[in-house]
Amino acid sequence: MSDKPYYQHHVFFCLNQRDEGRPCCADRCAQNAQEHAKKRIKQLGLSGQGKVRINKAGCLDRCEEGPVLVVYPEGTWYTYVDTEDIDEIIDTHLVGGKVVDRLKI
């Protein structure tokens, strides 16, 4: 058994939808962002075992800070506005190994 994680980076996008009026990631284009990230990671040849996995998640309970995603194993939390922010997280953190401080929460 290897001590190496199955994925180098495992990224969870909150896609939770709330009905009671509380802010939620689903109302802030989280689905589009998750799909963009998944597609971009595949285009870069970074998907799969030992590389990067982009996943959908239910509520991550940081609704007011959303939309949010979290990168493991580091446990780095990000917010984002658009696909340019997602690309910056991919290029800087997932590829370059450096935290994107301006998007970190």
PDB file of N, CA and C in Angstrom:
ATOM      1  N   MET A   1       0.837  -1.186   0.000  1.00  0.00           N
ATOM      2  CA  MET A   1       0.000   0.000   0.000  1.00  0.00           C
ATOM      3  C   MET A   1       0.881   1.249   0.000  1.00  0.00           C
ATOM      4  N   SER A   2       0.559   2.179  -0.851  1.00  0.00           N
ATOM      5  CA  SER A   2       1.351   3.387  -1.005  1.00  0.00           C
ATOM      6  C   SER A   2       0.884   4.486  -0.045  1.00  0.00           C
ATOM      7  N   ASP A   3       1.834   5.293   0.423  1.00  0.00           N
ATOM      8  CA  ASP A   3       1.499   6.458   1.246  1.00  0.00           C
ATOM      9  C   ASP A   3       1.106   7.644   0.375  1.00  0.00           C
ATOM     10  N   LYS A   4       1.316   7.519  -0.904  1.00  0.00           N
ATOM     11  CA  LYS A   4       0.995   8.587  -1.843  1.00  0.00           C
ATOM     12  C   LYS A   4      -0.525   8.676  -2.021  1.00  0.00           C
ATOM     13  N   PRO A   5      -1.088   9.906  -2.006  1.00  0.00           N
ATOM     14  CA  PRO A   5      -2.537  10.017  -2.191  1.00  0.00           C
ATOM     15  C   PRO A   5      -2.975   9.544  -3.583  1.00  0.00           C
ATOM     16  N   TYR A   6      -4.205   9.072  -3.667  1.00  0.00           N
ATOM     17  CA  TYR A   6      -4.737   8.588  -4.942  1.00  0.00           C
ATOM     18  C   TYR A   6      -4.734   9.696  -5.984  1.00  0.00           C
ATOM     19  N   TYR A   7      -5.103  10.912  -5.554  1.00  0.00           N
ATOM     20  CA  TYR A   7      -5.029  12.089  -6.424  1.00  0.00           C
ATOM     21  C   TYR A   7      -4.032  13.073  -5.836  1.00  0.00           C
ATOM     22  N   GLN A   8      -3.262  13.705  -6.687  1.00  0.00           N
ATOM     23  CA  GLN A   8      -2.351  14.752  -6.219  1.00  0.00           C
ATOM     24  C   GLN A   8      -3.167  15.913  -5.661  1.00  0.00           C
ATOM     25  N   HIS A   9      -4.245  16.277  -6.375  1.00  0.00           N
ATOM     26  CA  HIS A   9      -5.170  17.319  -5.924  1.00  0.00           C
ATOM     27  C   HIS A   9      -6.586  16.820  -6.139  1.00  0.00           C
ATOM     28  N   HIS A  10      -7.417  16.954  -5.115  1.00  0.00           N
ATOM     29  CA  HIS A  10      -8.828  16.592  -5.197  1.00  0.00           C
ATOM     30  C   HIS A  10      -9.606  17.875  -4.913  1.00  0.00           C
ATOM     31  N   VAL A  11     -10.368  18.341  -5.898  1.00  0.00           N
ATOM     32  CA  VAL A  11     -11.038  19.637  -5.820  1.00  0.00           C
ATOM     33  C   VAL A  11     -12.544  19.431  -5.733  1.00  0.00           C
ATOM     34  N   PHE A  12     -13.141  20.008  -4.710  1.00  0.00           N
ATOM     35  CA  PHE A  12     -14.583  19.914  -4.502  1.00  0.00           C
ATOM     36  C   PHE A  12     -15.234  21.280  -4.685  1.00  0.00           C
ATOM     37  N   PHE A  13     -16.187  21.344  -5.605  1.00  0.00           N
ATOM     38  CA  PHE A  13     -16.979  22.553  -5.851  1.00  0.00           C
ATOM     39  C   PHE A  13     -18.324  22.400  -5.161  1.00  0.00           C
ATOM     40  N   CYS A  14     -18.663  23.322  -4.281  1.00  0.00           N
ATOM     41  CA  CYS A  14     -19.995  23.304  -3.688  1.00  0.00           C
ATOM     42  C   CYS A  14     -21.007  23.684  -4.765  1.00  0.00           C
ATOM     43  N   LEU A  15     -22.017  22.834  -4.950  1.00  0.00           N
ATOM     44  CA  LEU A  15     -23.088  23.101  -5.912  1.00  0.00           C
ATOM     45  C   LEU A  15     -24.439  23.154  -5.205  1.00  0.00           C
ATOM     46  N   ASN A  16     -24.427  23.357  -3.898  1.00  0.00           N
ATOM     47  CA  ASN A  16     -25.655  23.308  -3.111  1.00  0.00           C
ATOM     48  C   ASN A  16     -26.660  24.388  -3.516  1.00  0.00           C
ATOM     49  N   GLN A  17     -27.918  23.981  -3.585  1.00  0.00           N
ATOM     50  CA  GLN A  17     -29.033  24.889  -3.870  1.00  0.00           C
ATOM     51  C   GLN A  17     -29.880  25.022  -2.607  1.00  0.00           C
ATOM     52  N   ARG A  18     -30.105  26.246  -2.162  1.00  0.00           N
ATOM     53  CA  ARG A  18     -30.963  26.502  -1.005  1.00  0.00           C
ATOM     54  C   ARG A  18     -32.251  27.148  -1.476  1.00  0.00           C
ATOM     55  N   ASP A  19     -33.337  26.845  -0.793  1.00  0.00           N
ATOM     56  CA  ASP A  19     -34.635  27.385  -1.173  1.00  0.00           C
ATOM     57  C   ASP A  19     -35.127  28.477  -0.241  1.00  0.00           C
ATOM     58  N   GLU A  20     -34.554  28.576   0.955  1.00  0.00           N
ATOM     59  CA  GLU A  20     -35.100  29.490   1.955  1.00  0.00           C
ATOM     60  C   GLU A  20     -34.541  30.906   1.876  1.00  0.00           C
ATOM     61  N   GLY A  21     -33.845  31.248   0.803  1.00  0.00           N
ATOM     62  CA  GLY A  21     -33.360  32.608   0.619  1.00  0.00           C
ATOM     63  C   GLY A  21     -31.942  32.848   1.104  1.00  0.00           C
ATOM     64  N   ARG A  22     -31.340  31.889   1.803  1.00  0.00           N
ATOM     65  CA  ARG A  22     -29.950  32.026   2.243  1.00  0.00           C
ATOM     66  C   ARG A  22     -29.050  31.945   1.012  1.00  0.00           C
ATOM     67  N   PRO A  23     -27.958  32.709   1.007  1.00  0.00           N
ATOM     68  CA  PRO A  23     -27.040  32.620  -0.138  1.00  0.00           C
ATOM     69  C   PRO A  23     -26.603  31.180  -0.379  1.00  0.00           C
ATOM     70  N   CYS A  24     -26.407  30.834  -1.651  1.00  0.00           N
ATOM     71  CA  CYS A  24     -25.927  29.492  -1.966  1.00  0.00           C
ATOM     72  C   CYS A  24     -25.072  29.522  -3.220  1.00  0.00           C
ATOM     73  N   CYS A  25     -24.195  28.557  -3.306  1.00  0.00           N
ATOM     74  CA  CYS A  25     -23.258  28.488  -4.426  1.00  0.00           C
ATOM     75  C   CYS A  25     -23.963  28.245  -5.759  1.00  0.00           C
ATOM     76  N   ALA A  26     -25.049  27.469  -5.734  1.00  0.00           N
ATOM     77  CA  ALA A  26     -25.766  27.177  -6.982  1.00  0.00           C
ATOM     78  C   ALA A  26     -26.278  28.454  -7.644  1.00  0.00           C
ATOM     79  N   ASP A  27     -26.637  29.448  -6.856  1.00  0.00           N
ATOM     80  CA  ASP A  27     -27.131  30.720  -7.406  1.00  0.00           C
ATOM     81  C   ASP A  27     -26.003  31.602  -7.917  1.00  0.00           C
ATOM     82  N   ARG A  28     -24.761  31.164  -7.750  1.00  0.00           N
ATOM     83  CA  ARG A  28     -23.607  31.971  -8.158  1.00  0.00           C
ATOM     84  C   ARG A  28     -22.776  31.254  -9.218  1.00  0.00           C
ATOM     85  N   CYS A  29     -23.440  30.529 -10.093  1.00  0.00           N
ATOM     86  CA  CYS A  29     -22.817  29.884 -11.263  1.00  0.00           C
ATOM     87  C   CYS A  29     -21.795  28.805 -10.921  1.00  0.00           C
ATOM     88  N   ALA A  30     -21.985  28.137  -9.783  1.00  0.00           N
ATOM     89  CA  ALA A  30     -21.039  27.100  -9.372  1.00  0.00           C
ATOM     90  C   ALA A  30     -21.002  25.924 -10.344  1.00  0.00           C
ATOM     91  N   GLN A  31     -22.155  25.543 -10.879  1.00  0.00           N
ATOM     92  CA  GLN A  31     -22.210  24.416 -11.827  1.00  0.00           C
ATOM     93  C   GLN A  31     -21.350  24.713 -13.055  1.00  0.00           C
ATOM     94  N   ASN A  32     -21.476  25.911 -13.619  1.00  0.00           N
ATOM     95  CA  ASN A  32     -20.672  26.282 -14.786  1.00  0.00           C
ATOM     96  C   ASN A  32     -19.187  26.268 -14.461  1.00  0.00           C
ATOM     97  N   ALA A  33     -18.831  26.756 -13.274  1.00  0.00           N
ATOM     98  CA  ALA A  33     -17.427  26.795 -12.869  1.00  0.00           C
ATOM     99  C   ALA A  33     -16.861  25.382 -12.728  1.00  0.00           C
ATOM    100  N   GLN A  34     -17.637  24.492 -12.119  1.00  0.00           N
ATOM    101  CA  GLN A  34     -17.193  23.108 -11.944  1.00  0.00           C
ATOM    102  C   GLN A  34     -17.003  22.423 -13.296  1.00  0.00           C
ATOM    103  N   GLU A  35     -17.952  22.621 -14.193  1.00  0.00           N
ATOM    104  CA  GLU A  35     -17.847  22.021 -15.528  1.00  0.00           C
ATOM    105  C   GLU A  35     -16.654  22.581 -16.292  1.00  0.00           C
ATOM    106  N   HIS A  36     -16.413  23.880 -16.163  1.00  0.00           N
ATOM    107  CA  HIS A  36     -15.264  24.511 -16.814  1.00  0.00           C
ATOM    108  C   HIS A  36     -13.961  23.906 -16.289  1.00  0.00           C
ATOM    109  N   ALA A  37     -13.862  23.765 -14.961  1.00  0.00           N
ATOM    110  CA  ALA A  37     -12.640  23.216 -14.358  1.00  0.00           C
ATOM    111  C   ALA A  37     -12.399  21.784 -14.821  1.00  0.00           C
ATOM    112  N   LYS A  38     -13.451  20.975 -14.825  1.00  0.00           N
ATOM    113  CA  LYS A  38     -13.322  19.573 -15.239  1.00  0.00           C
ATOM    114  C   LYS A  38     -12.835  19.481 -16.692  1.00  0.00           C
ATOM    115  N   LYS A  39     -13.427  20.283 -17.563  1.00  0.00           N
ATOM    116  CA  LYS A  39     -13.053  20.302 -18.974  1.00  0.00           C
ATOM    117  C   LYS A  39     -11.602  20.769 -19.148  1.00  0.00           C
ATOM    118  N   ARG A  40     -11.223  21.816 -18.435  1.00  0.00           N
ATOM    119  CA  ARG A  40      -9.871  22.372 -18.567  1.00  0.00           C
ATOM    120  C   ARG A  40      -8.817  21.393 -18.060  1.00  0.00           C
ATOM    121  N   ILE A  41      -9.094  20.722 -16.949  1.00  0.00           N
ATOM    122  CA  ILE A  41      -8.156  19.733 -16.411  1.00  0.00           C
ATOM    123  C   ILE A  41      -7.961  18.598 -17.421  1.00  0.00           C
ATOM    124  N   LYS A  42      -9.041  18.158 -18.070  1.00  0.00           N
ATOM    125  CA  LYS A  42      -8.928  17.119 -19.096  1.00  0.00           C
ATOM    126  C   LYS A  42      -8.110  17.620 -20.288  1.00  0.00           C
ATOM    127  N   GLN A  43      -8.359  18.871 -20.726  1.00  0.00           N
ATOM    128  CA  GLN A  43      -7.618  19.442 -21.852  1.00  0.00           C
ATOM    129  C   GLN A  43      -6.124  19.515 -21.561  1.00  0.00           C
ATOM    130  N   LEU A  44      -5.779  19.769 -20.300  1.00  0.00           N
ATOM    131  CA  LEU A  44      -4.374  19.871 -19.903  1.00  0.00           C
ATOM    132  C   LEU A  44      -3.735  18.497 -19.666  1.00  0.00           C
ATOM    133  N   GLY A  45      -4.529  17.441 -19.771  1.00  0.00           N
ATOM    134  CA  GLY A  45      -4.016  16.097 -19.539  1.00  0.00           C
ATOM    135  C   GLY A  45      -3.705  15.824 -18.075  1.00  0.00           C
ATOM    136  N   LEU A  46      -4.420  16.492 -17.186  1.00  0.00           N
ATOM    137  CA  LEU A  46      -4.141  16.384 -15.755  1.00  0.00           C
ATOM    138  C   LEU A  46      -5.155  15.547 -14.989  1.00  0.00           C
ATOM    139  N   SER A  47      -6.117  14.934 -15.671  1.00  0.00           N
ATOM    140  CA  SER A  47      -7.139  14.172 -14.950  1.00  0.00           C
ATOM    141  C   SER A  47      -6.705  12.725 -14.769  1.00  0.00           C
ATOM    142  N   GLY A  48      -7.148  12.145 -13.663  1.00  0.00           N
ATOM    143  CA  GLY A  48      -6.898  10.733 -13.426  1.00  0.00           C
ATOM    144  C   GLY A  48      -6.061  10.461 -12.202  1.00  0.00           C
ATOM    145  N   GLN A  49      -5.878   9.180 -11.931  1.00  0.00           N
ATOM    146  CA  GLN A  49      -5.129   8.739 -10.757  1.00  0.00           C
ATOM    147  C   GLN A  49      -3.746   9.366 -10.724  1.00  0.00           C
ATOM    148  N   GLY A  50      -3.371   9.859  -9.550  1.00  0.00           N
ATOM    149  CA  GLY A  50      -2.067  10.484  -9.380  1.00  0.00           C
ATOM    150  C   GLY A  50      -2.017  11.916  -9.858  1.00  0.00           C
ATOM    151  N   LYS A  51      -3.135  12.389 -10.389  1.00  0.00           N
ATOM    152  CA  LYS A  51      -3.167  13.750 -10.925  1.00  0.00           C
ATOM    153  C   LYS A  51      -4.250  14.553 -10.218  1.00  0.00           C
ATOM    154  N   VAL A  52      -5.243  15.047 -10.960  1.00  0.00           N
ATOM    155  CA  VAL A  52      -6.266  15.938 -10.409  1.00  0.00           C
ATOM    156  C   VAL A  52      -7.648  15.341 -10.632  1.00  0.00           C
ATOM    157  N   ARG A  53      -8.493  15.486  -9.625  1.00  0.00           N
ATOM    158  CA  ARG A  53      -9.904  15.092  -9.730  1.00  0.00           C
ATOM    159  C   ARG A  53     -10.762  16.302  -9.365  1.00  0.00           C
ATOM    160  N   ILE A  54     -11.717  16.624 -10.243  1.00  0.00           N
ATOM    161  CA  ILE A  54     -12.672  17.707 -10.004  1.00  0.00           C
ATOM    162  C   ILE A  54     -14.003  17.064  -9.653  1.00  0.00           C
ATOM    163  N   ASN A  55     -14.537  17.372  -8.463  1.00  0.00           N
ATOM    164  CA  ASN A  55     -15.787  16.778  -8.006  1.00  0.00           C
ATOM    165  C   ASN A  55     -16.833  17.820  -7.651  1.00  0.00           C
ATOM    166  N   LYS A  56     -18.092  17.376  -7.732  1.00  0.00           N
ATOM    167  CA  LYS A  56     -19.221  18.154  -7.237  1.00  0.00           C
ATOM    168  C   LYS A  56     -19.397  17.817  -5.763  1.00  0.00           C
ATOM    169  N   ALA A  57     -19.829  18.794  -4.990  1.00  0.00           N
ATOM    170  CA  ALA A  57     -20.091  18.552  -3.572  1.00  0.00           C
ATOM    171  C   ALA A  57     -21.413  19.198  -3.194  1.00  0.00           C
ATOM    172  N   GLY A  58     -22.017  18.650  -2.147  1.00  0.00           N
ATOM    173  CA  GLY A  58     -23.164  19.298  -1.535  1.00  0.00           C
ATOM    174  C   GLY A  58     -22.668  20.462  -0.704  1.00  0.00           C
ATOM    175  N   CYS A  59     -23.472  20.907   0.229  1.00  0.00           N
ATOM    176  CA  CYS A  59     -23.138  22.079   1.026  1.00  0.00           C
ATOM    177  C   CYS A  59     -21.827  21.887   1.780  1.00  0.00           C
ATOM    178  N   LEU A  60     -20.931  22.850   1.619  1.00  0.00           N
ATOM    179  CA  LEU A  60     -19.673  22.861   2.350  1.00  0.00           C
ATOM    180  C   LEU A  60     -19.737  23.839   3.525  1.00  0.00           C
ATOM    181  N   ASP A  61     -20.903  24.446   3.738  1.00  0.00           N
ATOM    182  CA  ASP A  61     -21.231  25.289   4.889  1.00  0.00           C
ATOM    183  C   ASP A  61     -20.400  26.560   5.010  1.00  0.00           C
ATOM    184  N   ARG A  62     -20.061  27.139   3.856  1.00  0.00           N
ATOM    185  CA  ARG A  62     -19.424  28.463   3.829  1.00  0.00           C
ATOM    186  C   ARG A  62     -20.222  29.338   2.858  1.00  0.00           C
ATOM    187  N   CYS A  63     -21.529  29.230   2.961  1.00  0.00           N
ATOM    188  CA  CYS A  63     -22.463  29.815   2.000  1.00  0.00           C
ATOM    189  C   CYS A  63     -22.252  31.312   1.780  1.00  0.00           C
ATOM    190  N   GLU A  64     -22.073  32.049   2.861  1.00  0.00           N
ATOM    191  CA  GLU A  64     -21.943  33.503   2.731  1.00  0.00           C
ATOM    192  C   GLU A  64     -20.644  33.920   2.053  1.00  0.00           C
ATOM    193  N   GLU A  65     -19.680  33.014   1.978  1.00  0.00           N
ATOM    194  CA  GLU A  65     -18.398  33.312   1.341  1.00  0.00           C
ATOM    195  C   GLU A  65     -18.354  32.814  -0.099  1.00  0.00           C
ATOM    196  N   GLY A  66     -19.428  32.220  -0.561  1.00  0.00           N
ATOM    197  CA  GLY A  66     -19.457  31.525  -1.828  1.00  0.00           C
ATOM    198  C   GLY A  66     -19.558  32.403  -3.041  1.00  0.00           C
ATOM    199  N   PRO A  67     -19.381  31.765  -4.181  1.00  0.00           N
ATOM    200  CA  PRO A  67     -19.240  30.328  -4.345  1.00  0.00           C
ATOM    201  C   PRO A  67     -17.880  29.863  -3.834  1.00  0.00           C
ATOM    202  N   VAL A  68     -17.824  28.614  -3.386  1.00  0.00           N
ATOM    203  CA  VAL A  68     -16.590  28.098  -2.816  1.00  0.00           C
ATOM    204  C   VAL A  68     -16.175  26.775  -3.447  1.00  0.00           C
ATOM    205  N   LEU A  69     -14.869  26.551  -3.385  1.00  0.00           N
ATOM    206  CA  LEU A  69     -14.292  25.254  -3.704  1.00  0.00           C
ATOM    207  C   LEU A  69     -13.180  25.020  -2.708  1.00  0.00           C
ATOM    208  N   VAL A  70     -12.833  23.758  -2.509  1.00  0.00           N
ATOM    209  CA  VAL A  70     -11.735  23.418  -1.609  1.00  0.00           C
ATOM    210  C   VAL A  70     -10.828  22.408  -2.305  1.00  0.00           C
ATOM    211  N   VAL A  71      -9.529  22.619  -2.148  1.00  0.00           N
ATOM    212  CA  VAL A  71      -8.514  21.762  -2.763  1.00  0.00           C
ATOM    213  C   VAL A  71      -7.866  20.918  -1.666  1.00  0.00           C
ATOM    214  N   TYR A  72      -7.929  19.588  -1.833  1.00  0.00           N
ATOM    215  CA  TYR A  72      -7.258  18.661  -0.921  1.00  0.00           C
ATOM    216  C   TYR A  72      -6.127  17.983  -1.667  1.00  0.00           C
ATOM    217  N   PRO A  73      -5.053  17.557  -0.986  1.00  0.00           N
ATOM    218  CA  PRO A  73      -4.972  17.370   0.453  1.00  0.00           C
ATOM    219  C   PRO A  73      -4.621  18.622   1.247  1.00  0.00           C
ATOM    220  N   GLU A  74      -4.372  19.733   0.581  1.00  0.00           N
ATOM    221  CA  GLU A  74      -3.940  20.935   1.295  1.00  0.00           C
ATOM    222  C   GLU A  74      -5.031  21.519   2.192  1.00  0.00           C
ATOM    223  N   GLY A  75      -6.302  21.356   1.791  1.00  0.00           N
ATOM    224  CA  GLY A  75      -7.388  21.976   2.530  1.00  0.00           C
ATOM    225  C   GLY A  75      -7.460  23.470   2.287  1.00  0.00           C
ATOM    226  N   THR A  76      -7.103  23.891   1.083  1.00  0.00           N
ATOM    227  CA  THR A  76      -7.130  25.314   0.728  1.00  0.00           C
ATOM    228  C   THR A  76      -8.504  25.668   0.169  1.00  0.00           C
ATOM    229  N   TRP A  77      -9.135  26.671   0.770  1.00  0.00           N
ATOM    230  CA  TRP A  77     -10.466  27.130   0.372  1.00  0.00           C
ATOM    231  C   TRP A  77     -10.349  28.359  -0.513  1.00  0.00           C
ATOM    232  N   TYR A  78     -11.157  28.356  -1.581  1.00  0.00           N
ATOM    233  CA  TYR A  78     -11.193  29.489  -2.503  1.00  0.00           C
ATOM    234  C   TYR A  78     -12.627  29.925  -2.763  1.00  0.00           C
ATOM    235  N   THR A  79     -12.755  31.203  -3.101  1.00  0.00           N
ATOM    236  CA  THR A  79     -13.962  31.712  -3.720  1.00  0.00           C
ATOM    237  C   THR A  79     -13.560  32.172  -5.116  1.00  0.00           C
ATOM    238  N   TYR A  80     -14.533  32.445  -5.959  1.00  0.00           N
ATOM    239  CA  TYR A  80     -14.239  32.832  -7.336  1.00  0.00           C
ATOM    240  C   TYR A  80     -15.419  33.601  -7.900  1.00  0.00           C
ATOM    241  N   VAL A  81     -15.166  34.343  -8.977  1.00  0.00           N
ATOM    242  CA  VAL A  81     -16.209  35.127  -9.627  1.00  0.00           C
ATOM    243  C   VAL A  81     -16.544  34.556 -10.998  1.00  0.00           C
ATOM    244  N   ASP A  82     -15.516  34.110 -11.727  1.00  0.00           N
ATOM    245  CA  ASP A  82     -15.729  33.702 -13.116  1.00  0.00           C
ATOM    246  C   ASP A  82     -14.713  32.636 -13.524  1.00  0.00           C
ATOM    247  N   THR A  83     -14.773  32.238 -14.786  1.00  0.00           N
ATOM    248  CA  THR A  83     -13.878  31.178 -15.255  1.00  0.00           C
ATOM    249  C   THR A  83     -12.417  31.641 -15.280  1.00  0.00           C
ATOM    250  N   GLU A  84     -12.171  32.936 -15.377  1.00  0.00           N
ATOM    251  CA  GLU A  84     -10.789  33.421 -15.304  1.00  0.00           C
ATOM    252  C   GLU A  84     -10.201  33.123 -13.928  1.00  0.00           C
ATOM    253  N   ASP A  85     -11.019  33.268 -12.871  1.00  0.00           N
ATOM    254  CA  ASP A  85     -10.555  32.915 -11.525  1.00  0.00           C
ATOM    255  C   ASP A  85     -10.286  31.418 -11.426  1.00  0.00           C
ATOM    256  N   ILE A  86     -11.153  30.608 -12.017  1.00  0.00           N
ATOM    257  CA  ILE A  86     -10.955  29.152 -12.005  1.00  0.00           C
ATOM    258  C   ILE A  86      -9.656  28.807 -12.730  1.00  0.00           C
ATOM    259  N   ASP A  87      -9.420  29.432 -13.880  1.00  0.00           N
ATOM    260  CA  ASP A  87      -8.176  29.184 -14.619  1.00  0.00           C
ATOM    261  C   ASP A  87      -6.954  29.575 -13.797  1.00  0.00           C
ATOM    262  N   GLU A  88      -7.057  30.672 -13.050  1.00  0.00           N
ATOM    263  CA  GLU A  88      -5.938  31.102 -12.211  1.00  0.00           C
ATOM    264  C   GLU A  88      -5.663  30.080 -11.102  1.00  0.00           C
ATOM    265  N   ILE A  89      -6.719  29.535 -10.510  1.00  0.00           N
ATOM    266  CA  ILE A  89      -6.549  28.497  -9.484  1.00  0.00           C
ATOM    267  C   ILE A  89      -5.895  27.256 -10.102  1.00  0.00           C
ATOM    268  N   ILE A  90      -6.351  26.869 -11.284  1.00  0.00           N
ATOM    269  CA  ILE A  90      -5.768  25.708 -11.965  1.00  0.00           C
ATOM    270  C   ILE A  90      -4.296  25.958 -12.287  1.00  0.00           C
ATOM    271  N   ASP A  91      -4.019  27.085 -12.940  1.00  0.00           N
ATOM    272  CA  ASP A  91      -2.654  27.367 -13.403  1.00  0.00           C
ATOM    273  C   ASP A  91      -1.686  27.597 -12.244  1.00  0.00           C
ATOM    274  N   THR A  92      -2.123  28.347 -11.249  1.00  0.00           N
ATOM    275  CA  THR A  92      -1.221  28.725 -10.160  1.00  0.00           C
ATOM    276  C   THR A  92      -1.126  27.652  -9.080  1.00  0.00           C
ATOM    277  N   HIS A  93      -2.262  27.133  -8.627  1.00  0.00           N
ATOM    278  CA  HIS A  93      -2.246  26.174  -7.523  1.00  0.00           C
ATOM    279  C   HIS A  93      -2.066  24.734  -8.006  1.00  0.00           C
ATOM    280  N   LEU A  94      -2.971  24.273  -8.874  1.00  0.00           N
ATOM    281  CA  LEU A  94      -2.937  22.863  -9.267  1.00  0.00           C
ATOM    282  C   LEU A  94      -1.728  22.525 -10.128  1.00  0.00           C
ATOM    283  N   VAL A  95      -1.319  23.437 -11.002  1.00  0.00           N
ATOM    284  CA  VAL A  95      -0.152  23.196 -11.859  1.00  0.00           C
ATOM    285  C   VAL A  95       1.121  23.734 -11.205  1.00  0.00           C
ATOM    286  N   GLY A  96       1.054  24.977 -10.706  1.00  0.00           N
ATOM    287  CA  GLY A  96       2.251  25.639 -10.190  1.00  0.00           C
ATOM    288  C   GLY A  96       2.588  25.392  -8.732  1.00  0.00           C
ATOM    289  N   GLY A  97       1.622  24.872  -7.973  1.00  0.00           N
ATOM    290  CA  GLY A  97       1.894  24.559  -6.581  1.00  0.00           C
ATOM    291  C   GLY A  97       1.883  25.733  -5.626  1.00  0.00           C
ATOM    292  N   LYS A  98       1.334  26.892  -6.071  1.00  0.00           N
ATOM    293  CA  LYS A  98       1.301  28.078  -5.228  1.00  0.00           C
ATOM    294  C   LYS A  98      -0.145  28.495  -4.975  1.00  0.00           C
ATOM    295  N   VAL A  99      -0.438  28.892  -3.746  1.00  0.00           N
ATOM    296  CA  VAL A  99      -1.772  29.340  -3.379  1.00  0.00           C
ATOM    297  C   VAL A  99      -2.086  30.667  -4.050  1.00  0.00           C
ATOM    298  N   VAL A 100      -3.320  30.828  -4.514  1.00  0.00           N
ATOM    299  CA  VAL A 100      -3.775  32.085  -5.096  1.00  0.00           C
ATOM    300  C   VAL A 100      -4.346  32.915  -3.935  1.00  0.00           C
ATOM    301  N   ASP A 101      -3.492  33.733  -3.341  1.00  0.00           N
ATOM    302  CA  ASP A 101      -3.870  34.464  -2.124  1.00  0.00           C
ATOM    303  C   ASP A 101      -5.096  35.344  -2.310  1.00  0.00           C
ATOM    304  N   ARG A 102      -5.250  35.974  -3.466  1.00  0.00           N
ATOM    305  CA  ARG A 102      -6.358  36.918  -3.650  1.00  0.00           C
ATOM    306  C   ARG A 102      -7.724  36.226  -3.661  1.00  0.00           C
ATOM    307  N   LEU A 103      -7.768  34.906  -3.910  1.00  0.00           N
ATOM    308  CA  LEU A 103      -9.015  34.165  -3.948  1.00  0.00           C
ATOM    309  C   LEU A 103      -9.195  33.271  -2.730  1.00  0.00           C
ATOM    310  N   LYS A 104      -8.200  33.180  -1.882  1.00  0.00           N
ATOM    311  CA  LYS A 104      -8.241  32.294  -0.715  1.00  0.00           C
ATOM    312  C   LYS A 104      -9.200  32.857   0.334  1.00  0.00           C
ATOM    313  N   ILE A 105      -9.967  31.944   0.958  1.00  0.00           N
ATOM    314  CA  ILE A 105     -10.834  32.346   2.069  1.00  0.00           C
ATOM    315  C   ILE A 105     -10.471  31.534   3.301  1.00  0.00           C
TER     316      ILE A 105
END
